[in-house]
N, C-alpha and C. Protein backbone atom coordinates (compact mmCIF):
# COMPACT_ATOMS: atom_id res chain seq x y z
N UNK A 1 8.98 -12.85 13.26
CA UNK A 1 9.32 -12.76 14.87
C UNK A 1 10.09 -14.10 15.23
N UNK A 2 11.08 -13.61 15.72
CA UNK A 2 11.82 -14.23 16.46
C UNK A 2 11.53 -15.63 17.19
N UNK A 3 11.84 -16.75 16.96
CA UNK A 3 11.28 -17.74 17.73
C UNK A 3 12.80 -19.10 17.53
N UNK A 4 12.93 -19.55 18.85
CA UNK A 4 14.25 -20.99 18.95
C UNK A 4 13.52 -21.54 18.30
N UNK A 5 14.40 -22.96 17.85
CA UNK A 5 13.62 -24.04 17.72
C UNK A 5 12.86 -24.78 18.38
N UNK A 6 12.00 -25.39 18.53
CA UNK A 6 11.12 -26.07 19.47
C UNK A 6 10.48 -25.69 20.23
N UNK A 7 9.89 -24.18 19.21
CA UNK A 7 8.66 -23.54 20.07
C UNK A 7 7.35 -23.43 19.66
N UNK A 8 6.94 -24.30 18.69
CA UNK A 8 5.69 -24.53 18.31
C UNK A 8 5.60 -23.75 17.11
N UNK A 9 6.51 -23.16 16.34
CA UNK A 9 6.22 -22.35 15.17
C UNK A 9 5.13 -22.75 14.63
N UNK A 10 4.98 -23.84 13.89
CA UNK A 10 3.98 -24.44 13.05
C UNK A 10 2.82 -24.52 13.74
N UNK A 11 2.61 -24.81 14.92
CA UNK A 11 1.05 -24.71 15.74
C UNK A 11 0.84 -23.08 15.59
N UNK A 12 1.67 -22.58 15.97
CA UNK A 12 1.21 -20.77 16.13
C UNK A 12 0.62 -20.16 14.57
N UNK A 13 1.56 -20.72 13.50
CA UNK A 13 1.61 -20.32 12.26
C UNK A 13 0.00 -20.43 11.68
N UNK A 14 -0.60 -22.06 12.02
CA UNK A 14 -1.33 -22.56 11.30
C UNK A 14 -2.96 -21.82 12.01
N UNK A 15 -2.77 -21.15 13.34
CA UNK A 15 -3.84 -20.98 13.69
C UNK A 15 -4.08 -19.75 13.45
N UNK A 16 -3.21 -18.67 12.59
CA UNK A 16 -3.25 -17.36 11.52
C UNK A 16 -3.57 -17.47 10.68
N UNK A 17 -3.24 -18.79 9.82
CA UNK A 17 -2.96 -18.77 8.53
C UNK A 17 -4.36 -19.58 8.07
N UNK A 18 -5.42 -20.78 9.37
CA UNK A 18 -6.55 -21.41 9.18
C UNK A 18 -7.12 -20.34 8.59
N UNK A 19 -7.90 -19.23 8.97
CA UNK A 19 -8.70 -18.32 8.92
C UNK A 19 -8.51 -17.76 7.00
N UNK A 20 -7.51 -17.23 6.77
CA UNK A 20 -6.91 -17.66 5.53
C UNK A 20 -7.27 -18.49 4.51
N UNK A 21 -7.19 -19.33 4.94
CA UNK A 21 -7.19 -21.00 3.91
C UNK A 21 -8.44 -20.96 3.96
N UNK A 22 -9.76 -20.55 5.07
CA UNK A 22 -11.00 -20.96 4.94
C UNK A 22 -11.69 -19.77 3.87
N UNK A 23 -10.98 -18.78 3.81
CA UNK A 23 -11.59 -17.40 3.26
C UNK A 23 -11.19 -17.78 1.34
N UNK A 24 -10.33 -18.46 1.48
CA UNK A 24 -9.39 -18.92 0.43
C UNK A 24 -10.06 -19.77 -0.56
N UNK A 25 -10.39 -21.06 0.66
CA UNK A 25 -11.09 -22.26 0.06
C UNK A 25 -13.28 -21.52 -0.80
N UNK A 26 -13.56 -20.38 0.16
CA UNK A 26 -14.93 -20.15 0.00
C UNK A 26 -14.49 -19.44 -1.14
N UNK A 27 -13.63 -18.36 -1.55
CA UNK A 27 -13.08 -18.00 -3.11
C UNK A 27 -13.51 -19.12 -3.99
N UNK A 28 -12.65 -20.18 -3.93
CA UNK A 28 -12.39 -20.93 -4.76
C UNK A 28 -13.88 -22.39 -4.69
N UNK A 29 -14.50 -22.00 -3.82
CA UNK A 29 -15.46 -22.71 -4.14
C UNK A 29 -16.31 -21.84 -5.13
N UNK A 30 -16.75 -20.63 -4.98
CA UNK A 30 -17.48 -19.64 -5.92
C UNK A 30 -17.20 -19.68 -7.09
N UNK A 31 -15.53 -19.45 -7.43
CA UNK A 31 -14.99 -19.36 -8.49
C UNK A 31 -15.63 -20.61 -9.65
N UNK A 32 -15.39 -21.78 -8.78
CA UNK A 32 -15.70 -23.12 -9.35
C UNK A 32 -17.07 -23.05 -10.24
N UNK A 33 -18.15 -22.32 -9.16
CA UNK A 33 -19.81 -22.32 -9.70
C UNK A 33 -19.85 -21.28 -10.73
N UNK A 34 -18.95 -20.41 -10.72
CA UNK A 34 -19.00 -19.85 -11.85
C UNK A 34 -18.15 -19.98 -12.99
N UNK A 35 -17.10 -21.20 -13.13
CA UNK A 35 -16.48 -21.30 -14.25
C UNK A 35 -16.54 -22.89 -13.56
N UNK A 36 -17.17 -23.45 -14.16
CA UNK A 36 -16.93 -25.13 -14.30
C UNK A 36 -15.36 -25.70 -14.46
N UNK A 37 -15.12 -25.33 -16.21
CA UNK A 37 -14.34 -25.75 -16.60
C UNK A 37 -12.86 -25.03 -15.91
N UNK A 38 -12.84 -24.76 -14.47
CA UNK A 38 -12.05 -24.24 -14.06
C UNK A 38 -10.55 -25.40 -13.93
N UNK A 39 -9.28 -25.20 -13.67
CA UNK A 39 -8.69 -26.54 -13.42
C UNK A 39 -7.76 -25.79 -12.29
N UNK A 40 -7.38 -26.52 -11.37
CA UNK A 40 -6.88 -25.86 -9.99
C UNK A 40 -5.84 -24.69 -10.26
N UNK A 41 -4.77 -24.87 -11.12
CA UNK A 41 -4.38 -23.62 -11.34
C UNK A 41 -4.76 -22.30 -11.51
N UNK A 42 -6.29 -22.52 -12.01
CA UNK A 42 -6.81 -21.39 -12.25
C UNK A 42 -7.63 -20.76 -10.71
N UNK A 43 -7.49 -21.59 -9.61
CA UNK A 43 -8.28 -21.04 -8.77
C UNK A 43 -7.79 -19.82 -8.16
N UNK A 44 -8.29 -18.96 -7.21
CA UNK A 44 -7.99 -17.94 -6.62
C UNK A 44 -7.19 -18.49 -5.61
N UNK A 45 -6.61 -17.31 -5.08
CA UNK A 45 -5.29 -17.67 -4.11
C UNK A 45 -4.75 -16.73 -3.35
N UNK A 46 -4.61 -16.63 -2.13
CA UNK A 46 -4.14 -15.94 -1.09
C UNK A 46 -3.47 -15.75 -0.29
N UNK A 47 -2.47 -17.41 0.07
CA UNK A 47 -1.66 -17.61 0.74
C UNK A 47 -0.73 -18.91 -0.09
N UNK A 48 0.80 -18.34 -0.18
CA UNK A 48 1.65 -19.34 -0.34
C UNK A 48 2.63 -19.65 0.52
N UNK A 49 2.86 -20.75 0.68
CA UNK A 49 4.36 -21.09 1.55
C UNK A 49 5.36 -21.79 0.91
N UNK A 50 5.66 -21.77 0.09
CA UNK A 50 6.55 -22.39 -1.20
C UNK A 50 6.70 -22.10 -2.62
N UNK A 51 7.85 -21.30 -2.91
CA UNK A 51 7.55 -21.13 -4.59
C UNK A 51 8.49 -20.92 -5.36
N UNK A 52 8.32 -20.94 -6.61
CA UNK A 52 9.50 -20.40 -7.54
C UNK A 52 8.78 -18.94 -7.83
N UNK A 53 10.05 -18.00 -8.34
CA UNK A 53 9.63 -16.64 -9.05
C UNK A 53 8.73 -17.16 -9.96
N UNK A 54 8.98 -17.90 -10.81
CA UNK A 54 8.18 -17.90 -12.21
C UNK A 54 6.80 -18.52 -11.59
N UNK A 55 6.81 -19.56 -10.79
CA UNK A 55 4.98 -19.79 -10.03
C UNK A 55 4.50 -18.68 -9.60
N UNK A 56 5.33 -17.63 -8.61
CA UNK A 56 4.72 -16.70 -8.01
C UNK A 56 4.29 -15.99 -9.04
N UNK A 57 4.27 -15.79 -9.98
CA UNK A 57 4.37 -14.58 -11.12
C UNK A 57 3.00 -15.07 -11.50
N UNK A 58 2.64 -16.34 -12.23
CA UNK A 58 1.56 -16.74 -12.22
C UNK A 58 0.19 -16.91 -11.65
N UNK A 59 1.22 -17.08 -9.92
CA UNK A 59 -0.08 -17.09 -9.17
C UNK A 59 -0.62 -15.87 -8.85
N UNK A 60 0.20 -14.60 -8.62
CA UNK A 60 0.11 -13.01 -8.83
C UNK A 60 -0.76 -12.84 -9.48
N UNK A 61 -0.57 -13.04 -11.09
CA UNK A 61 -0.96 -12.38 -12.11
C UNK A 61 -2.73 -13.16 -12.31
N UNK A 62 -3.08 -13.72 -11.39
CA UNK A 62 -4.48 -14.66 -11.53
C UNK A 62 -5.07 -14.12 -10.09
N UNK A 63 -4.23 -13.18 -9.34
CA UNK A 63 -4.80 -12.64 -8.06
C UNK A 63 -4.62 -11.40 -8.10
N UNK A 64 -5.00 -10.20 -8.61
CA UNK A 64 -5.00 -9.06 -8.94
C UNK A 64 -3.84 -8.65 -8.37
N UNK A 65 -2.44 -9.49 -8.64
CA UNK A 65 -0.92 -9.14 -7.89
C UNK A 65 -0.91 -9.35 -7.06
N UNK A 66 -1.57 -9.90 -6.41
CA UNK A 66 -1.13 -9.87 -4.73
C UNK A 66 -0.99 -11.26 -4.20
N UNK A 67 -0.46 -11.68 -3.03
CA UNK A 67 -0.62 -12.84 -2.32
C UNK A 67 0.26 -12.48 -1.24
N UNK A 68 0.22 -13.08 0.39
CA UNK A 68 0.92 -13.42 1.18
C UNK A 68 1.82 -14.93 1.06
N UNK A 69 2.96 -14.61 1.46
CA UNK A 69 3.68 -16.02 1.71
C UNK A 69 4.27 -15.56 3.12
N UNK A 70 3.57 -16.90 3.60
CA UNK A 70 3.88 -17.49 5.00
C UNK A 70 4.49 -18.71 5.43
N UNK A 71 5.38 -18.51 6.57
CA UNK A 71 6.74 -19.49 6.49
C UNK A 71 6.60 -19.61 8.19
N UNK A 72 6.87 -20.85 8.44
CA UNK A 72 6.94 -21.15 9.74
C UNK A 72 8.79 -21.31 10.15
N UNK A 73 9.57 -21.44 8.67
CA UNK A 73 10.60 -21.18 9.19
C UNK A 73 11.54 -20.13 7.97
N UNK A 74 11.40 -19.06 8.29
CA UNK A 74 11.86 -18.36 7.70
C UNK A 74 13.56 -18.49 7.12
N UNK A 75 14.07 -18.64 8.17
CA UNK A 75 15.61 -19.22 7.94
C UNK A 75 15.84 -19.86 7.07
N UNK A 76 15.01 -20.85 6.24
CA UNK A 76 15.31 -21.47 5.43
C UNK A 76 14.73 -21.15 4.54
N UNK A 77 13.83 -20.04 4.23
CA UNK A 77 13.27 -19.28 2.93
C UNK A 77 14.55 -18.16 2.96
N UNK A 78 14.97 -17.43 3.68
CA UNK A 78 15.96 -16.37 3.62
C UNK A 78 17.72 -17.23 3.11
N UNK A 79 17.65 -18.28 3.20
CA UNK A 79 18.95 -19.39 2.45
C UNK A 79 19.21 -19.33 1.29
N UNK A 80 17.23 -19.68 0.85
CA UNK A 80 17.57 -20.24 -0.36
C UNK A 80 17.77 -18.57 -1.92
N UNK A 81 17.40 -17.87 -0.93
CA UNK A 81 17.38 -16.55 -1.78
C UNK A 81 18.74 -16.54 -2.73
N UNK A 82 19.15 -16.30 -4.07
CA UNK A 82 20.28 -16.41 -4.89
C UNK A 82 20.91 -17.63 -4.45
N UNK A 83 20.37 -18.57 -4.21
CA UNK A 83 21.26 -19.97 -3.87
C UNK A 83 21.81 -20.65 -5.29
N UNK A 84 20.80 -20.53 -6.59
CA UNK A 84 21.25 -20.60 -7.64
C UNK A 84 21.80 -19.90 -8.75
N UNK A 85 21.85 -18.16 -8.33
CA UNK A 85 22.45 -17.44 -9.05
C UNK A 85 24.18 -16.98 -8.41
N UNK A 86 24.98 -16.89 -9.66
CA UNK A 86 26.70 -16.27 -9.51
C UNK A 86 26.54 -14.79 -9.12
N UNK A 87 26.94 -14.42 -8.48
CA UNK A 87 27.46 -12.76 -8.14
C UNK A 87 26.56 -12.15 -8.55
N UNK A 88 25.26 -12.49 -7.66
CA UNK A 88 24.10 -11.73 -7.97
C UNK A 88 23.24 -11.59 -6.71
N UNK A 89 22.33 -10.75 -6.72
CA UNK A 89 21.34 -10.80 -5.49
C UNK A 89 19.99 -10.37 -6.45
N UNK A 90 19.14 -11.12 -7.22
CA UNK A 90 18.36 -11.11 -8.17
C UNK A 90 17.25 -11.15 -7.11
N UNK A 91 17.15 -11.94 -6.36
CA UNK A 91 16.12 -12.60 -5.72
C UNK A 91 15.77 -11.43 -4.52
N UNK A 92 16.59 -11.36 -4.12
CA UNK A 92 16.36 -10.03 -3.21
C UNK A 92 15.93 -8.77 -3.68
N UNK A 93 16.45 -8.53 -4.92
CA UNK A 93 16.09 -7.31 -5.33
C UNK A 93 14.40 -7.18 -5.72
N UNK A 94 13.89 -8.54 -6.21
CA UNK A 94 12.98 -8.74 -6.70
C UNK A 94 12.05 -8.63 -6.01
N UNK A 95 12.17 -9.56 -4.84
CA UNK A 95 11.75 -9.19 -2.95
C UNK A 95 11.51 -7.78 -2.93
N UNK A 96 12.10 -6.94 -2.95
CA UNK A 96 12.29 -5.83 -2.52
C UNK A 96 11.09 -5.00 -2.97
N UNK A 97 11.29 -5.17 -4.64
CA UNK A 97 10.27 -4.66 -5.91
C UNK A 97 9.29 -4.67 -5.29
N UNK A 98 8.81 -6.33 -4.99
CA UNK A 98 7.32 -6.28 -4.90
C UNK A 98 6.70 -6.34 -3.86
N UNK A 99 7.54 -6.02 -2.99
CA UNK A 99 6.68 -5.75 -1.59
C UNK A 99 6.84 -3.85 -1.78
N UNK A 100 7.13 -3.45 -2.54
CA UNK A 100 7.43 -1.93 -3.22
C UNK A 100 5.89 -1.70 -3.69
N UNK A 101 5.24 -2.54 -4.68
CA UNK A 101 4.34 -1.93 -5.76
C UNK A 101 4.84 -1.96 -6.89
N UNK A 102 6.25 -2.50 -7.08
CA UNK A 102 6.79 -1.93 -8.71
C UNK A 102 6.25 -3.16 -9.51
N UNK A 103 6.31 -2.73 -11.21
CA UNK A 103 6.10 -3.49 -12.18
C UNK A 103 6.85 -4.79 -12.30
N UNK A 104 6.08 -5.62 -12.59
CA UNK A 104 7.04 -6.56 -13.07
C UNK A 104 6.77 -7.73 -13.81
N UNK A 105 7.27 -7.82 -14.82
CA UNK A 105 7.97 -8.59 -16.40
C UNK A 105 8.57 -9.94 -15.72
N UNK A 106 7.81 -10.86 -16.71
CA UNK A 106 8.77 -12.35 -16.32
C UNK A 106 8.49 -12.90 -17.75
N UNK A 107 9.84 -13.60 -18.03
CA UNK A 107 9.93 -14.27 -19.27
C UNK A 107 9.81 -15.75 -19.51
N UNK A 108 8.42 -16.10 -20.60
CA UNK A 108 8.34 -17.47 -19.89
C UNK A 108 8.50 -17.87 -21.02
N UNK A 109 8.63 -19.42 -21.33
CA UNK A 109 8.88 -20.20 -22.42
C UNK A 109 8.40 -19.65 -23.59
N UNK A 110 6.94 -19.11 -23.74
CA UNK A 110 6.22 -18.69 -24.39
C UNK A 110 5.82 -17.72 -25.11
N UNK A 111 7.00 -16.74 -24.44
CA UNK A 111 6.51 -15.54 -23.98
C UNK A 111 6.33 -15.00 -22.40
N UNK A 112 6.45 -13.28 -22.41
CA UNK A 112 6.74 -12.76 -21.52
C UNK A 112 4.91 -12.07 -21.13
N UNK A 113 4.73 -12.01 -19.59
CA UNK A 113 3.82 -11.73 -18.91
C UNK A 113 4.02 -10.08 -18.12
N UNK A 114 3.39 -9.27 -17.93
CA UNK A 114 3.71 -7.93 -17.05
C UNK A 114 2.52 -7.77 -16.01
N UNK A 115 2.81 -7.64 -14.78
CA UNK A 115 2.19 -6.64 -13.91
C UNK A 115 2.62 -5.85 -13.64
N UNK A 116 1.40 -4.34 -13.67
CA UNK A 116 1.86 -3.17 -13.10
C UNK A 116 2.10 -2.53 -12.14
N UNK A 117 1.12 -3.63 -11.02
CA UNK A 117 1.34 -3.44 -9.57
C UNK A 117 1.44 -4.35 -8.92
N UNK A 118 2.41 -4.53 -7.92
CA UNK A 118 2.03 -6.27 -7.05
C UNK A 118 1.96 -5.36 -5.70
N UNK A 119 1.98 -6.26 -4.82
CA UNK A 119 1.20 -6.71 -3.75
C UNK A 119 1.87 -8.11 -2.76
N UNK A 120 3.17 -8.10 -2.26
CA UNK A 120 4.17 -9.47 -1.84
C UNK A 120 4.28 -9.39 -0.49
N UNK A 121 3.66 -9.73 0.17
CA UNK A 121 4.38 -9.63 1.59
C UNK A 121 4.51 -11.23 2.00
N UNK A 122 5.62 -10.75 2.61
CA UNK A 122 6.73 -12.37 3.49
C UNK A 122 6.19 -12.33 4.77
N UNK A 123 5.85 -13.09 5.67
CA UNK A 123 6.10 -13.19 7.30
C UNK A 123 5.93 -14.78 7.51
N UNK A 124 6.40 -14.45 9.36
CA UNK A 124 6.61 -15.74 9.53
C UNK A 124 7.79 -15.99 10.64
N UNK A 125 8.44 -17.01 11.01
CA UNK A 125 8.76 -17.15 11.82
C UNK A 125 10.59 -17.31 11.84
N UNK A 126 11.45 -16.52 12.34
CA UNK A 126 12.49 -16.54 11.96
C UNK A 126 13.43 -17.00 13.99
N UNK A 127 14.73 -17.75 13.28
CA UNK A 127 15.36 -18.07 14.86
C UNK A 127 16.15 -16.64 14.81
N UNK A 128 16.39 -16.56 16.55
CA UNK A 128 17.06 -15.51 16.75
C UNK A 128 18.46 -15.18 15.97
N UNK A 129 19.04 -16.05 15.85
CA UNK A 129 20.56 -16.69 15.37
C UNK A 129 20.96 -16.15 14.44
N UNK A 130 19.62 -16.38 13.63
CA UNK A 130 19.93 -15.75 12.17
C UNK A 130 19.63 -14.60 11.72
N UNK A 131 18.54 -13.82 12.17
CA UNK A 131 18.50 -12.52 12.46
C UNK A 131 20.03 -11.51 12.78
N UNK A 132 20.68 -12.15 13.47
CA UNK A 132 21.77 -11.70 14.04
C UNK A 132 23.20 -11.62 12.90
N UNK A 133 22.76 -12.75 12.27
CA UNK A 133 23.40 -12.76 10.98
C UNK A 133 23.29 -12.12 9.81
N UNK A 134 22.22 -11.83 9.69
CA UNK A 134 21.56 -11.25 8.53
C UNK A 134 22.44 -9.10 9.18
N UNK A 135 21.80 -9.24 9.97
CA UNK A 135 22.14 -7.71 10.73
C UNK A 135 23.62 -7.55 10.55
N UNK A 136 24.19 -8.66 10.13
CA UNK A 136 26.18 -8.37 10.27
C UNK A 136 26.67 -8.75 8.95
N UNK A 137 25.57 -8.62 8.32
CA UNK A 137 26.07 -8.99 6.88
C UNK A 137 25.96 -7.92 6.06
N UNK A 138 26.97 -7.67 5.12
CA UNK A 138 26.83 -6.15 4.13
C UNK A 138 25.64 -6.18 3.69
N UNK A 139 24.62 -5.35 3.93
CA UNK A 139 23.45 -5.07 3.44
C UNK A 139 23.42 -4.11 2.40
N UNK A 140 24.49 -4.67 1.19
CA UNK A 140 24.02 -3.09 0.03
C UNK A 140 22.96 -2.35 -0.79
N UNK A 141 22.16 -3.22 -0.50
CA UNK A 141 20.43 -3.01 -1.39
C UNK A 141 19.46 -2.66 0.19
N UNK A 142 19.86 -2.75 1.14
CA UNK A 142 19.19 -2.60 2.27
C UNK A 142 18.03 -3.73 2.39
N UNK A 143 18.19 -4.84 2.10
CA UNK A 143 16.93 -5.88 2.16
C UNK A 143 16.91 -6.13 3.29
N UNK A 144 18.17 -6.48 4.30
CA UNK A 144 17.70 -7.01 5.46
C UNK A 144 17.07 -5.34 6.52
N UNK A 145 17.85 -4.74 6.13
CA UNK A 145 17.40 -3.41 7.09
C UNK A 145 15.40 -3.38 6.94
N UNK A 146 14.82 -3.88 5.72
CA UNK A 146 14.11 -3.53 5.58
C UNK A 146 12.95 -4.98 6.08
N UNK A 147 13.62 -5.64 6.73
CA UNK A 147 12.90 -6.42 7.50
C UNK A 147 12.03 -6.11 9.01
N UNK A 148 11.02 -6.62 9.63
CA UNK A 148 10.85 -5.99 10.73
C UNK A 148 10.61 -7.53 11.66
N UNK A 149 11.25 -6.89 12.71
CA UNK A 149 11.56 -8.62 14.03
C UNK A 149 11.41 -8.33 15.00
N UNK A 150 10.36 -8.81 15.51
CA UNK A 150 9.89 -8.89 16.46
C UNK A 150 10.30 -10.18 17.60
N UNK A 151 10.93 -9.63 18.60
CA UNK A 151 11.93 -10.74 19.54
C UNK A 151 10.79 -10.57 20.88
N UNK A 152 9.83 -11.21 21.35
CA UNK A 152 9.24 -11.11 22.41
C UNK A 152 10.19 -11.45 23.75
N UNK A 153 10.01 -10.99 24.81
CA UNK A 153 11.19 -11.65 25.76
C UNK A 153 10.26 -13.39 26.40
N UNK A 154 11.41 -13.54 26.71
CA UNK A 154 11.04 -15.26 27.37
C UNK A 154 10.71 -15.28 28.49
N UNK A 155 9.44 -16.03 27.96
CA UNK A 155 9.21 -16.37 29.93
C UNK A 155 8.21 -17.41 30.52
N UNK A 156 8.60 -18.01 31.34
CA UNK A 156 8.10 -19.45 31.93
C UNK A 156 6.71 -19.20 31.92
N UNK A 157 6.38 -20.46 31.40
CA UNK A 157 4.97 -20.59 31.47
C UNK A 157 4.20 -21.79 31.71
N UNK A 158 3.39 -21.66 32.93
CA UNK A 158 2.85 -22.90 33.43
C UNK A 158 1.56 -23.28 32.87
N UNK A 159 1.74 -24.31 32.11
CA UNK A 159 0.92 -25.46 31.49
C UNK A 159 -0.48 -25.61 31.65
N UNK A 160 -0.32 -25.76 33.11
CA UNK A 160 -1.51 -26.16 34.01
C UNK A 160 -2.73 -25.52 33.88
N UNK A 161 -2.45 -23.78 33.80
CA UNK A 161 -2.92 -22.45 33.95
C UNK A 161 -3.62 -22.39 32.48
N UNK A 162 -3.14 -22.54 31.29
CA UNK A 162 -3.40 -22.17 30.32
C UNK A 162 -4.78 -22.73 30.04
N UNK A 163 -5.97 -21.92 29.41
CA UNK A 163 -7.02 -22.13 29.06
C UNK A 163 -7.22 -22.30 27.79
N UNK A 164 -8.04 -23.66 27.98
CA UNK A 164 -8.20 -24.25 26.23
C UNK A 164 -8.87 -23.18 25.37
N UNK A 165 -8.24 -23.45 24.00
CA UNK A 165 -8.71 -22.21 23.42
C UNK A 165 -10.65 -22.49 23.02
N UNK A 166 -11.72 -21.89 22.81
CA UNK A 166 -12.97 -22.16 22.47
C UNK A 166 -13.74 -20.97 22.17
N UNK A 167 -13.86 -21.79 20.68
CA UNK A 167 -13.98 -20.82 19.43
C UNK A 167 -15.37 -20.09 19.82
N UNK A 168 -16.30 -20.85 21.01
CA UNK A 168 -17.98 -20.18 21.29
C UNK A 168 -17.46 -18.77 22.11
N UNK A 169 -16.03 -18.43 22.56
CA UNK A 169 -16.20 -17.02 23.60
C UNK A 169 -14.67 -16.69 23.00
N UNK A 170 -14.31 -16.75 21.73
CA UNK A 170 -13.23 -15.96 20.75
C UNK A 170 -13.91 -15.72 19.30
N UNK A 171 -13.18 -14.19 19.45
CA UNK A 171 -13.62 -13.76 17.95
C UNK A 171 -13.06 -14.87 16.80
N UNK A 172 -13.60 -14.52 16.02
CA UNK A 172 -13.12 -15.48 15.04
C UNK A 172 -12.47 -14.87 14.20
N UNK A 173 -11.22 -15.38 13.83
CA UNK A 173 -9.78 -14.43 12.95
C UNK A 173 -10.71 -14.55 11.66
N UNK A 174 -11.77 -15.06 11.16
CA UNK A 174 -12.00 -15.67 9.84
C UNK A 174 -12.69 -13.63 9.48
N UNK A 175 -13.45 -14.07 10.32
CA UNK A 175 -14.42 -12.79 10.25
C UNK A 175 -13.31 -11.07 9.98
N UNK A 176 -12.27 -11.38 10.95
CA UNK A 176 -11.55 -10.44 11.06
C UNK A 176 -10.88 -10.00 9.88
N UNK A 177 -10.10 -11.36 9.56
CA UNK A 177 -9.47 -11.34 7.95
C UNK A 177 -10.26 -10.66 6.54
N UNK A 178 -11.42 -10.98 6.80
CA UNK A 178 -12.65 -10.75 5.77
C UNK A 178 -12.92 -9.25 5.91
N UNK A 179 -12.92 -8.54 6.70
CA UNK A 179 -13.05 -6.81 6.79
C UNK A 179 -12.11 -6.40 6.10
N UNK A 180 -10.60 -7.22 7.27
CA UNK A 180 -9.25 -6.35 6.48
C UNK A 180 -9.53 -6.30 5.10
N UNK A 181 -9.47 -7.18 4.03
CA UNK A 181 -9.05 -8.01 2.94
C UNK A 181 -10.64 -7.06 1.90
N UNK A 182 -11.69 -6.84 2.64
CA UNK A 182 -12.82 -6.08 1.57
C UNK A 182 -12.12 -4.88 1.75
N UNK A 183 -12.03 -4.05 2.88
CA UNK A 183 -11.25 -2.46 3.20
C UNK A 183 -10.19 -2.50 2.29
N UNK A 184 -9.35 -3.69 2.16
CA UNK A 184 -7.89 -3.19 0.84
C UNK A 184 -8.49 -3.48 -0.29
N UNK A 185 -9.74 -3.97 -0.80
CA UNK A 185 -9.69 -4.55 -2.55
C UNK A 185 -9.27 -3.26 -3.12
N UNK A 186 -9.01 -1.51 -2.68
CA UNK A 186 -8.39 -0.30 -3.27
C UNK A 186 -7.37 -0.30 -2.57
N UNK A 187 -6.46 0.07 -2.93
CA UNK A 187 -4.85 0.74 -2.32
C UNK A 187 -5.56 1.52 -1.30
N UNK A 188 -4.95 1.80 0.14
CA UNK A 188 -5.43 2.27 1.16
C UNK A 188 -3.73 2.86 1.43
N UNK A 189 -3.58 3.92 1.63
CA UNK A 189 -2.65 4.87 2.28
C UNK A 189 -2.37 4.89 4.07
N UNK A 190 -1.55 4.54 4.86
CA UNK A 190 -1.43 4.60 5.74
C UNK A 190 -0.58 5.60 6.60
N UNK A 191 -0.83 6.24 7.60
CA UNK A 191 0.03 7.12 8.09
C UNK A 191 0.48 7.50 9.44
N UNK A 192 1.47 7.17 10.25
CA UNK A 192 1.75 7.66 11.44
C UNK A 192 1.64 8.69 12.10
N UNK A 193 0.54 8.93 13.33
CA UNK A 193 0.83 10.35 13.87
C UNK A 193 2.02 10.39 14.56
N UNK A 194 1.95 11.41 15.09
CA UNK A 194 3.26 12.11 15.66
C UNK A 194 3.63 11.07 17.13
N UNK A 195 2.87 10.37 18.24
CA UNK A 195 3.01 9.71 18.72
C UNK A 195 3.15 8.29 18.22
N UNK A 196 2.57 7.83 17.37
CA UNK A 196 2.64 6.15 17.22
C UNK A 196 4.03 6.40 16.00
N UNK A 197 4.68 7.66 15.59
CA UNK A 197 5.76 7.53 15.15
C UNK A 197 6.85 7.56 16.38
N UNK A 198 6.55 8.01 16.99
CA UNK A 198 7.83 8.28 18.39
C UNK A 198 7.39 6.99 19.30
N UNK A 199 6.58 6.07 19.44
CA UNK A 199 6.66 4.86 20.18
C UNK A 199 7.13 3.86 18.71
N UNK A 200 6.99 4.13 17.72
CA UNK A 200 7.80 2.84 16.70
C UNK A 200 8.90 3.08 16.67
N UNK A 201 9.68 4.05 16.46
CA UNK A 201 11.20 4.86 16.97
C UNK A 201 11.66 3.96 18.25
N UNK A 202 10.83 4.03 19.11
CA UNK A 202 11.40 3.86 20.13
C UNK A 202 11.91 1.98 20.44
N UNK A 203 10.59 1.37 20.05
CA UNK A 203 10.50 0.50 19.99
C UNK A 203 11.73 -0.58 18.81
N UNK A 204 12.13 0.48 17.78
CA UNK A 204 13.17 -0.14 16.63
C UNK A 204 14.44 0.41 17.69
N UNK A 205 14.59 1.21 18.39
CA UNK A 205 16.22 1.22 19.35
C UNK A 205 16.80 0.04 19.90
């Protein structure tokens, strides 16, 4: 989602991430009950907000090879990719591979570990000016073209007319996420019909 500075990105992301955190906490409580000796590093994880690729491999390998990365400032995340590498785009290539479900092997100091299939998705907010920068760069590996940017039209808001959030009259996102999670315990393939493909194409032009 493209959002300018000062537009409450963190608050909006917290609304979406809170139900995931609640589900994650429930999973961790159940895991501790079944494994009293478990340490924090062993607990189930659904969401990450900062990571090194070494740590990411460890987290994913303990969570069915999948996890979601959520950032209130994707601009900073993208700026860090390949930051410590010379003449290389290894971070970009890794993210493309993980998003596509590739096998992933990481060499640790005491050996290596391999995941046969992966599922890593990154979501969050990004500044419009940085999207322009990404799209104007030489995109030799197609990394930038594989990002989906949503740019809502700016509008004036009368904050006095906003209705406060009432959890008793609004659907619980936690239940929605639980249904989605249960439905995707096994791989699911989605295909657009002709109308959906036509609409998607029109939105991307």
